[in-house]
Amino acid sequence: MKHNPNQTNKEEQSVQSVVRAIQILEAVVEHMEPITIQELVEKTNLNRTTVWRLLVTLENLHYVERDPITKGYQIGYAPNRLFAKTDVHGPLVRRARPLLEKLRDETDETVHLSVPKHNGTLTVDQIDAPRSIRVINYVNRFLPSHCTSNGKVLLSRLSNEELHILLDRSLEKVTPYTITTAKELMQEIEWVRKHGYGLAIREWDESENGISAPILSEQQELIGFVSVLGPYFRLPKEKMTQMAETIQQTAHSIAKELN
C-alpha cells in the first residue's frame, strides 16, 4: 500500500488543531475574568486568525461562551455536561492514595486529600487513623477557607487584592477559636506564605486540629491539599509543626505522580 503524504499532513493538522483548542480552553479556565481575543493571542502565542477560528468552533460546541458586556470569553456549560457523570477527582485519588496511606502510617492520624473550590475546599478522600478517637468522615464535604488548614493555604495563594475583596465580608464564628477579623486572618495567611503550610487550631471543630500542605504542579499551580487531622489533645501545634516537612514531602511526591 502506497503512503499518501497528503493524508499525513491532514492528520498532523487535525492533531495540531486539537492541541491549540485545548491551549485556548486552558487559558480561558485559568483567567479569573472573561478573557479577550488579544489576551488569548498573548497567552497562547497563536496568531489572531487561528484563535478566532477555534473560538468560533468552541463557542458553537458550547465549550466557551462570549460575555455580552465585556465581549470576552469564559467557559461554557458543555464541560460541566461532559463531566457530570464522571468522577473527575478519581485519577488524583488513585495516584495519591498509596502515598496518603504511607503518611497515615507515619503520623498515626487521619489523612485527607482535598481540592480547591470557590472560597473553600472539597474533601475527595480520607484515610482514617487506626484509633478509637478520630475525626469524622469529611469526604464530599465542602469546608470554608477562613477556619481550616487547607483553606488558609488556598487563601495564601490569592493576591492581596483578591484577599481584600474576600475579607470585606464577615467571617463566620464557627467555634470560640475561629478567627473572625480580617487583620488576624491576614497575619495567619502571611504565616502560611512564609512557612509553606497551614494550621487550624480548633477553628472548624472545637475538638480537632489540622495541618495542610499544597500539591503544586510544575507550573506552581494549585492542584489540591494534603492534610493531617486529629483530636486537639493528641495533635497539638508543636507536634504538627514537627510533621510539617513529612506532609510537604508527601504533597510533592503526589505532584510528581501526576506529571
C-alpha atoms as a PDB file:
ATOM      1  CA  MET A   1       0.000   0.000   0.000  1.00  0.00           C
ATOM      2  CA  LYS A   2       1.431   3.360  -1.028  1.00  0.00           C
ATOM      3  CA  HIS A   3       1.920   6.099   1.570  1.00  0.00           C
ATOM      4  CA  ASN A   4      -0.144   9.207   0.924  1.00  0.00           C
ATOM      5  CA  PRO A   5       1.764  12.308   2.133  1.00  0.00           C
ATOM      6  CA  ASN A   6      -1.360  14.451   1.832  1.00  0.00           C
ATOM      7  CA  GLN A   7      -3.169  12.174   4.303  1.00  0.00           C
ATOM      8  CA  THR A   8      -0.285  12.511   6.785  1.00  0.00           C
ATOM      9  CA  ASN A   9      -0.370  16.320   6.526  1.00  0.00           C
ATOM     10  CA  LYS A  10      -4.102  16.361   7.141  1.00  0.00           C
ATOM     11  CA  GLU A  11      -3.703  14.158  10.227  1.00  0.00           C
ATOM     12  CA  GLU A  12      -0.923  16.380  11.593  1.00  0.00           C
ATOM     13  CA  GLN A  13      -3.056  19.474  11.041  1.00  0.00           C
ATOM     14  CA  SER A  14      -6.001  17.847  12.808  1.00  0.00           C
ATOM     15  CA  VAL A  15      -3.884  16.917  15.835  1.00  0.00           C
ATOM     16  CA  GLN A  16      -2.387  20.405  15.910  1.00  0.00           C
ATOM     17  CA  SER A  17      -5.881  21.928  15.922  1.00  0.00           C
ATOM     18  CA  VAL A  18      -6.840  19.798  18.918  1.00  0.00           C
ATOM     19  CA  VAL A  19      -3.718  20.882  20.819  1.00  0.00           C
ATOM     20  CA  ARG A  20      -4.396  24.539  20.037  1.00  0.00           C
ATOM     21  CA  ALA A  21      -8.055  24.258  21.051  1.00  0.00           C
ATOM     22  CA  ILE A  22      -7.001  22.763  24.384  1.00  0.00           C
ATOM     23  CA  GLN A  23      -4.473  25.578  24.840  1.00  0.00           C
ATOM     24  CA  ILE A  24      -7.281  28.084  24.395  1.00  0.00           C
ATOM     25  CA  LEU A  25      -9.598  26.221  26.778  1.00  0.00           C
ATOM     26  CA  GLU A  26      -6.887  26.099  29.450  1.00  0.00           C
ATOM     27  CA  ALA A  27      -6.237  29.826  29.060  1.00  0.00           C
ATOM     28  CA  VAL A  28      -9.960  30.583  29.400  1.00  0.00           C
ATOM     29  CA  VAL A  29     -10.262  28.414  32.528  1.00  0.00           C
ATOM     30  CA  GLU A  30      -7.187  29.935  34.187  1.00  0.00           C
ATOM     31  CA  HIS A  31      -8.346  33.511  33.623  1.00  0.00           C
ATOM     32  CA  MET A  32     -10.389  34.866  36.533  1.00  0.00           C
ATOM     33  CA  GLU A  33     -12.462  37.185  34.300  1.00  0.00           C
ATOM     34  CA  PRO A  34     -13.764  36.805  30.717  1.00  0.00           C
ATOM     35  CA  ILE A  35     -10.659  36.825  28.506  1.00  0.00           C
ATOM     36  CA  THR A  36     -10.350  38.812  25.282  1.00  0.00           C
ATOM     37  CA  ILE A  37      -9.093  37.503  21.961  1.00  0.00           C
ATOM     38  CA  GLN A  38      -5.977  39.665  22.269  1.00  0.00           C
ATOM     39  CA  GLU A  39      -5.220  38.239  25.717  1.00  0.00           C
ATOM     40  CA  LEU A  40      -5.641  34.730  24.313  1.00  0.00           C
ATOM     41  CA  VAL A  41      -3.249  35.543  21.460  1.00  0.00           C
ATOM     42  CA  GLU A  42      -0.653  36.689  24.012  1.00  0.00           C
ATOM     43  CA  LYS A  43      -1.136  33.711  26.366  1.00  0.00           C
ATOM     44  CA  THR A  44      -1.119  31.007  23.671  1.00  0.00           C
ATOM     45  CA  ASN A  45       1.357  32.560  21.189  1.00  0.00           C
ATOM     46  CA  LEU A  46      -1.069  31.716  18.390  1.00  0.00           C
ATOM     47  CA  ASN A  47      -1.968  34.155  15.641  1.00  0.00           C
ATOM     48  CA  ARG A  48      -5.220  36.082  15.919  1.00  0.00           C
ATOM     49  CA  THR A  49      -6.924  34.330  12.993  1.00  0.00           C
ATOM     50  CA  THR A  50      -6.247  30.878  14.461  1.00  0.00           C
ATOM     51  CA  VAL A  51      -7.516  31.945  17.898  1.00  0.00           C
ATOM     52  CA  TRP A  52     -10.674  33.477  16.423  1.00  0.00           C
ATOM     53  CA  ARG A  53     -11.382  30.415  14.258  1.00  0.00           C
ATOM     54  CA  LEU A  54     -11.004  27.985  17.163  1.00  0.00           C
ATOM     55  CA  LEU A  55     -13.073  30.189  19.470  1.00  0.00           C
ATOM     56  CA  VAL A  56     -15.926  30.142  16.950  1.00  0.00           C
ATOM     57  CA  THR A  57     -15.806  26.336  16.927  1.00  0.00           C
ATOM     58  CA  LEU A  58     -15.604  26.071  20.715  1.00  0.00           C
ATOM     59  CA  GLU A  59     -18.460  28.541  21.088  1.00  0.00           C
ATOM     60  CA  ASN A  60     -20.638  26.599  18.637  1.00  0.00           C
ATOM     61  CA  LEU A  61     -19.996  23.475  20.716  1.00  0.00           C
ATOM     62  CA  HIS A  62     -20.750  25.451  23.949  1.00  0.00           C
ATOM     63  CA  TYR A  63     -17.291  24.868  25.430  1.00  0.00           C
ATOM     64  CA  VAL A  64     -16.841  28.634  25.681  1.00  0.00           C
ATOM     65  CA  GLU A  65     -19.314  31.472  25.660  1.00  0.00           C
ATOM     66  CA  ARG A  66     -18.921  35.164  24.951  1.00  0.00           C
ATOM     67  CA  ASP A  67     -19.745  37.619  27.709  1.00  0.00           C
ATOM     68  CA  PRO A  68     -22.233  40.140  26.243  1.00  0.00           C
ATOM     69  CA  ILE A  69     -20.852  43.022  28.333  1.00  0.00           C
ATOM     70  CA  THR A  70     -17.064  42.606  28.231  1.00  0.00           C
ATOM     71  CA  LYS A  71     -17.036  40.733  24.887  1.00  0.00           C
ATOM     72  CA  GLY A  72     -14.510  38.401  26.490  1.00  0.00           C
ATOM     73  CA  TYR A  73     -14.750  34.614  26.573  1.00  0.00           C
ATOM     74  CA  GLN A  74     -15.473  32.379  29.538  1.00  0.00           C
ATOM     75  CA  ILE A  75     -16.055  28.666  29.995  1.00  0.00           C
ATOM     76  CA  GLY A  76     -19.391  27.367  28.688  1.00  0.00           C
ATOM     77  CA  TYR A  77     -21.728  24.673  30.005  1.00  0.00           C
ATOM     78  CA  ALA A  78     -20.508  21.798  27.791  1.00  0.00           C
ATOM     79  CA  PRO A  79     -17.556  20.848  30.052  1.00  0.00           C
ATOM     80  CA  ASN A  80     -19.929  20.514  33.028  1.00  0.00           C
ATOM     81  CA  ARG A  81     -22.243  18.320  30.962  1.00  0.00           C
ATOM     82  CA  LEU A  82     -19.276  16.263  29.770  1.00  0.00           C
ATOM     83  CA  PHE A  83     -18.043  15.527  33.284  1.00  0.00           C
ATOM     84  CA  ALA A  84     -21.388  15.484  35.086  1.00  0.00           C
ATOM     85  CA  LYS A  85     -21.398  11.680  35.380  1.00  0.00           C
ATOM     86  CA  THR A  86     -17.644  11.312  35.689  1.00  0.00           C
ATOM     87  CA  ASP A  87     -15.578  11.103  38.859  1.00  0.00           C
ATOM     88  CA  VAL A  88     -13.315  13.998  37.913  1.00  0.00           C
ATOM     89  CA  HIS A  89     -11.168  13.533  41.014  1.00  0.00           C
ATOM     90  CA  GLY A  90     -10.763   9.778  40.513  1.00  0.00           C
ATOM     91  CA  PRO A  91      -7.311   9.922  38.860  1.00  0.00           C
ATOM     92  CA  LEU A  92      -5.992  12.208  41.610  1.00  0.00           C
ATOM     93  CA  VAL A  93      -7.372   9.943  44.342  1.00  0.00           C
ATOM     94  CA  ARG A  94      -5.984   6.766  42.753  1.00  0.00           C
ATOM     95  CA  ARG A  95      -2.473   8.143  42.289  1.00  0.00           C
ATOM     96  CA  ALA A  96      -2.358   9.825  45.683  1.00  0.00           C
ATOM     97  CA  ARG A  97      -3.789   7.012  47.810  1.00  0.00           C
ATOM     98  CA  PRO A  98      -0.617   4.881  48.282  1.00  0.00           C
ATOM     99  CA  LEU A  99       1.284   7.982  49.399  1.00  0.00           C
ATOM    100  CA  LEU A 100      -1.552   9.063  51.683  1.00  0.00           C
ATOM    101  CA  GLU A 101      -1.678   5.612  53.272  1.00  0.00           C
ATOM    102  CA  LYS A 102       2.065   5.835  53.912  1.00  0.00           C
ATOM    103  CA  LEU A 103       1.583   9.255  55.523  1.00  0.00           C
ATOM    104  CA  ARG A 104      -1.245   7.865  57.690  1.00  0.00           C
ATOM    105  CA  ASP A 105       1.069   5.098  58.889  1.00  0.00           C
ATOM    106  CA  GLU A 106       3.878   7.582  59.609  1.00  0.00           C
ATOM    107  CA  THR A 107       1.718  10.073  61.523  1.00  0.00           C
ATOM    108  CA  ASP A 108      -0.778   7.619  63.040  1.00  0.00           C
ATOM    109  CA  GLU A 109      -3.519  10.185  62.350  1.00  0.00           C
ATOM    110  CA  THR A 110      -6.290  10.679  59.784  1.00  0.00           C
ATOM    111  CA  VAL A 111      -5.150  11.942  56.370  1.00  0.00           C
ATOM    112  CA  HIS A 112      -7.222  13.994  53.920  1.00  0.00           C
ATOM    113  CA  LEU A 113      -6.920  14.751  50.231  1.00  0.00           C
ATOM    114  CA  SER A 114      -8.868  17.831  49.143  1.00  0.00           C
ATOM    115  CA  VAL A 115      -9.167  20.162  46.168  1.00  0.00           C
ATOM    116  CA  PRO A 116      -9.720  23.919  45.899  1.00  0.00           C
ATOM    117  CA  LYS A 117     -13.178  25.307  45.230  1.00  0.00           C
ATOM    118  CA  HIS A 118     -14.553  28.831  45.195  1.00  0.00           C
ATOM    119  CA  ASN A 119     -13.905  30.252  48.676  1.00  0.00           C
ATOM    120  CA  GLY A 120     -13.378  26.820  50.194  1.00  0.00           C
ATOM    121  CA  THR A 121     -12.217  23.247  49.752  1.00  0.00           C
ATOM    122  CA  LEU A 122     -13.777  19.879  48.932  1.00  0.00           C
ATOM    123  CA  THR A 123     -12.516  16.676  50.574  1.00  0.00           C
ATOM    124  CA  VAL A 124     -12.183  13.920  47.960  1.00  0.00           C
ATOM    125  CA  ASP A 125     -10.501  11.180  50.009  1.00  0.00           C
ATOM    126  CA  GLN A 126      -9.934  10.318  53.647  1.00  0.00           C
ATOM    127  CA  ILE A 127      -7.788   7.600  55.209  1.00  0.00           C
ATOM    128  CA  ASP A 128      -8.674   7.115  58.851  1.00  0.00           C
ATOM    129  CA  ALA A 129      -6.256   6.633  61.688  1.00  0.00           C
ATOM    130  CA  PRO A 130      -6.316   3.250  63.466  1.00  0.00           C
ATOM    131  CA  ARG A 131      -7.593   4.959  66.613  1.00  0.00           C
ATOM    132  CA  SER A 132     -10.795   4.692  68.611  1.00  0.00           C
ATOM    133  CA  ILE A 133     -10.944   8.500  68.887  1.00  0.00           C
ATOM    134  CA  ARG A 134     -10.585  10.137  65.471  1.00  0.00           C
ATOM    135  CA  VAL A 135     -12.135  12.795  63.255  1.00  0.00           C
ATOM    136  CA  ILE A 136     -15.440  12.342  61.414  1.00  0.00           C
ATOM    137  CA  ASN A 137     -15.702  11.462  57.716  1.00  0.00           C
ATOM    138  CA  TYR A 138     -15.322  14.616  55.617  1.00  0.00           C
ATOM    139  CA  VAL A 139     -15.415  13.059  52.125  1.00  0.00           C
ATOM    140  CA  ASN A 140     -17.569  15.109  49.717  1.00  0.00           C
ATOM    141  CA  ARG A 141     -17.939  17.869  52.284  1.00  0.00           C
ATOM    142  CA  PHE A 142     -17.263  21.495  51.381  1.00  0.00           C
ATOM    143  CA  LEU A 143     -15.384  23.417  54.062  1.00  0.00           C
ATOM    144  CA  PRO A 144     -14.891  27.204  54.332  1.00  0.00           C
ATOM    145  CA  SER A 145     -11.480  28.733  53.828  1.00  0.00           C
ATOM    146  CA  HIS A 146     -11.046  31.011  56.841  1.00  0.00           C
ATOM    147  CA  CYS A 147     -11.152  28.365  59.571  1.00  0.00           C
ATOM    148  CA  THR A 148      -9.455  25.282  58.079  1.00  0.00           C
ATOM    149  CA  SER A 149      -5.797  24.491  57.476  1.00  0.00           C
ATOM    150  CA  ASN A 150      -6.237  23.718  53.768  1.00  0.00           C
ATOM    151  CA  GLY A 151      -8.495  26.755  53.375  1.00  0.00           C
ATOM    152  CA  LYS A 152      -5.758  29.006  54.725  1.00  0.00           C
ATOM    153  CA  VAL A 153      -3.331  27.507  52.210  1.00  0.00           C
ATOM    154  CA  LEU A 154      -5.882  28.311  49.494  1.00  0.00           C
ATOM    155  CA  LEU A 155      -6.150  31.912  50.715  1.00  0.00           C
ATOM    156  CA  SER A 156      -2.359  32.246  50.795  1.00  0.00           C
ATOM    157  CA  ARG A 157      -2.268  31.576  47.045  1.00  0.00           C
ATOM    158  CA  LEU A 158      -4.517  34.562  46.282  1.00  0.00           C
ATOM    159  CA  SER A 159      -3.248  38.052  45.527  1.00  0.00           C
ATOM    160  CA  ASN A 160      -3.651  40.704  48.236  1.00  0.00           C
ATOM    161  CA  GLU A 161      -6.238  42.406  46.032  1.00  0.00           C
ATOM    162  CA  GLU A 162      -8.339  39.232  45.888  1.00  0.00           C
ATOM    163  CA  LEU A 163      -7.889  38.715  49.624  1.00  0.00           C
ATOM    164  CA  HIS A 164      -9.120  42.197  50.472  1.00  0.00           C
ATOM    165  CA  ILE A 165     -12.286  41.551  48.451  1.00  0.00           C
ATOM    166  CA  LEU A 166     -12.903  38.311  50.348  1.00  0.00           C
ATOM    167  CA  LEU A 167     -12.056  39.802  53.727  1.00  0.00           C
ATOM    168  CA  ASP A 168     -14.546  42.618  53.261  1.00  0.00           C
ATOM    169  CA  ARG A 169     -17.193  40.016  54.038  1.00  0.00           C
ATOM    170  CA  SER A 170     -17.970  38.891  57.561  1.00  0.00           C
ATOM    171  CA  LEU A 171     -16.170  35.775  58.799  1.00  0.00           C
ATOM    172  CA  GLU A 172     -18.424  33.215  60.448  1.00  0.00           C
ATOM    173  CA  LYS A 173     -17.541  32.318  64.020  1.00  0.00           C
ATOM    174  CA  VAL A 174     -17.791  28.520  63.851  1.00  0.00           C
ATOM    175  CA  THR A 175     -16.180  27.830  67.247  1.00  0.00           C
ATOM    176  CA  PRO A 176     -14.889  30.061  70.053  1.00  0.00           C
ATOM    177  CA  TYR A 177     -11.436  29.686  68.465  1.00  0.00           C
ATOM    178  CA  THR A 178     -12.359  30.781  64.922  1.00  0.00           C
ATOM    179  CA  ILE A 179     -10.527  33.814  63.545  1.00  0.00           C
ATOM    180  CA  THR A 180     -13.180  36.397  62.688  1.00  0.00           C
ATOM    181  CA  THR A 181     -11.224  39.599  61.999  1.00  0.00           C
ATOM    182  CA  ALA A 182      -9.565  40.447  58.683  1.00  0.00           C
ATOM    183  CA  LYS A 183      -6.405  41.654  60.441  1.00  0.00           C
ATOM    184  CA  GLU A 184      -5.866  38.382  62.319  1.00  0.00           C
ATOM    185  CA  LEU A 185      -6.605  36.281  59.256  1.00  0.00           C
ATOM    186  CA  MET A 186      -4.152  38.310  57.137  1.00  0.00           C
ATOM    187  CA  GLN A 187      -1.476  37.681  59.769  1.00  0.00           C
ATOM    188  CA  GLU A 188      -2.274  33.965  59.595  1.00  0.00           C
ATOM    189  CA  ILE A 189      -2.081  33.993  55.787  1.00  0.00           C
ATOM    190  CA  GLU A 190       1.314  35.730  55.874  1.00  0.00           C
ATOM    191  CA  TRP A 191       2.493  32.997  58.257  1.00  0.00           C
ATOM    192  CA  VAL A 192       1.332  30.325  55.776  1.00  0.00           C
ATOM    193  CA  ARG A 193       3.147  32.100  52.932  1.00  0.00           C
ATOM    194  CA  LYS A 194       6.336  32.156  54.979  1.00  0.00           C
ATOM    195  CA  HIS A 195       6.246  28.522  56.151  1.00  0.00           C
ATOM    196  CA  GLY A 196       4.535  26.829  53.192  1.00  0.00           C
ATOM    197  CA  TYR A 197       1.828  25.039  55.164  1.00  0.00           C
ATOM    198  CA  GLY A 198      -1.314  25.915  57.106  1.00  0.00           C
ATOM    199  CA  LEU A 199      -2.565  25.156  60.606  1.00  0.00           C
ATOM    200  CA  ALA A 200      -6.021  25.201  62.154  1.00  0.00           C
ATOM    201  CA  ILE A 201      -6.243  25.091  65.943  1.00  0.00           C
ATOM    202  CA  ARG A 202      -9.793  24.100  66.987  1.00  0.00           C
ATOM    203  CA  GLU A 203     -11.174  26.634  64.498  1.00  0.00           C
ATOM    204  CA  TRP A 204     -13.558  24.473  62.445  1.00  0.00           C
ATOM    205  CA  ASP A 205     -14.317  21.829  65.055  1.00  0.00           C
ATOM    206  CA  GLU A 206     -13.544  22.606  68.668  1.00  0.00           C
ATOM    207  CA  SER A 207     -12.227  19.081  69.202  1.00  0.00           C
ATOM    208  CA  GLU A 208      -9.871  18.987  66.172  1.00  0.00           C
ATOM    209  CA  ASN A 209      -6.576  20.378  64.930  1.00  0.00           C
ATOM    210  CA  GLY A 210      -5.246  20.131  61.394  1.00  0.00           C
ATOM    211  CA  ILE A 211      -2.230  20.821  59.209  1.00  0.00           C
ATOM    212  CA  SER A 212      -2.188  21.088  55.396  1.00  0.00           C
ATOM    213  CA  ALA A 213       0.359  21.417  52.593  1.00  0.00           C
ATOM    214  CA  PRO A 214      -0.353  22.331  48.949  1.00  0.00           C
ATOM    215  CA  ILE A 215       0.015  19.989  45.977  1.00  0.00           C
ATOM    216  CA  LEU A 216       1.525  22.128  43.212  1.00  0.00           C
ATOM    217  CA  SER A 217       2.046  21.433  39.518  1.00  0.00           C
ATOM    218  CA  GLU A 218       5.364  22.033  37.753  1.00  0.00           C
ATOM    219  CA  GLN A 219       3.966  25.458  36.844  1.00  0.00           C
ATOM    220  CA  GLN A 220       3.281  26.085  40.560  1.00  0.00           C
ATOM    221  CA  GLU A 221      -0.471  25.914  40.039  1.00  0.00           C
ATOM    222  CA  LEU A 222      -2.559  24.684  42.959  1.00  0.00           C
ATOM    223  CA  ILE A 223      -3.907  21.146  42.400  1.00  0.00           C
ATOM    224  CA  GLY A 224      -5.001  20.147  45.880  1.00  0.00           C
ATOM    225  CA  PHE A 225      -4.033  19.707  49.519  1.00  0.00           C
ATOM    226  CA  VAL A 226      -2.678  17.007  51.794  1.00  0.00           C
ATOM    227  CA  SER A 227      -3.903  17.314  55.384  1.00  0.00           C
ATOM    228  CA  VAL A 228      -3.415  15.507  58.670  1.00  0.00           C
ATOM    229  CA  LEU A 229      -6.179  15.881  61.258  1.00  0.00           C
ATOM    230  CA  GLY A 230      -6.635  14.626  64.786  1.00  0.00           C
ATOM    231  CA  PRO A 231      -8.049  15.409  68.226  1.00  0.00           C
ATOM    232  CA  TYR A 232      -6.544  18.632  69.583  1.00  0.00           C
ATOM    233  CA  PHE A 233      -5.192  16.913  72.709  1.00  0.00           C
ATOM    234  CA  ARG A 234      -3.302  14.352  70.608  1.00  0.00           C
ATOM    235  CA  LEU A 235      -2.214  16.659  67.792  1.00  0.00           C
ATOM    236  CA  PRO A 236      -1.051  19.949  69.362  1.00  0.00           C
ATOM    237  CA  LYS A 237       0.607  22.715  67.374  1.00  0.00           C
ATOM    238  CA  GLU A 238       4.123  21.613  68.351  1.00  0.00           C
ATOM    239  CA  LYS A 239       3.537  18.077  67.064  1.00  0.00           C
ATOM    240  CA  MET A 240       2.019  19.366  63.827  1.00  0.00           C
ATOM    241  CA  THR A 241       4.996  21.617  63.089  1.00  0.00           C
ATOM    242  CA  GLN A 242       7.301  18.647  63.646  1.00  0.00           C
ATOM    243  CA  MET A 243       5.469  16.627  60.977  1.00  0.00           C
ATOM    244  CA  ALA A 244       5.193  19.554  58.524  1.00  0.00           C
ATOM    245  CA  GLU A 245       8.195  18.501  56.430  1.00  0.00           C
ATOM    246  CA  THR A 246       6.837  14.959  56.054  1.00  0.00           C
ATOM    247  CA  ILE A 247       3.438  16.283  54.905  1.00  0.00           C
ATOM    248  CA  GLN A 248       5.063  18.702  52.450  1.00  0.00           C
ATOM    249  CA  GLN A 249       7.169  15.870  51.026  1.00  0.00           C
ATOM    250  CA  THR A 250       4.041  13.751  50.558  1.00  0.00           C
ATOM    251  CA  ALA A 251       2.373  16.626  48.682  1.00  0.00           C
ATOM    252  CA  HIS A 252       5.461  16.975  46.485  1.00  0.00           C
ATOM    253  CA  SER A 253       5.501  13.232  45.767  1.00  0.00           C
ATOM    254  CA  ILE A 254       1.837  13.287  44.749  1.00  0.00           C
ATOM    255  CA  ALA A 255       2.543  16.167  42.370  1.00  0.00           C
ATOM    256  CA  LYS A 256       5.335  14.126  40.755  1.00  0.00           C
ATOM    257  CA  GLU A 257       2.919  11.202  40.297  1.00  0.00           C
ATOM    258  CA  LEU A 258       0.610  13.497  38.338  1.00  0.00           C
ATOM    259  CA  ASN A 259       3.275  14.695  35.871  1.00  0.00           C
END
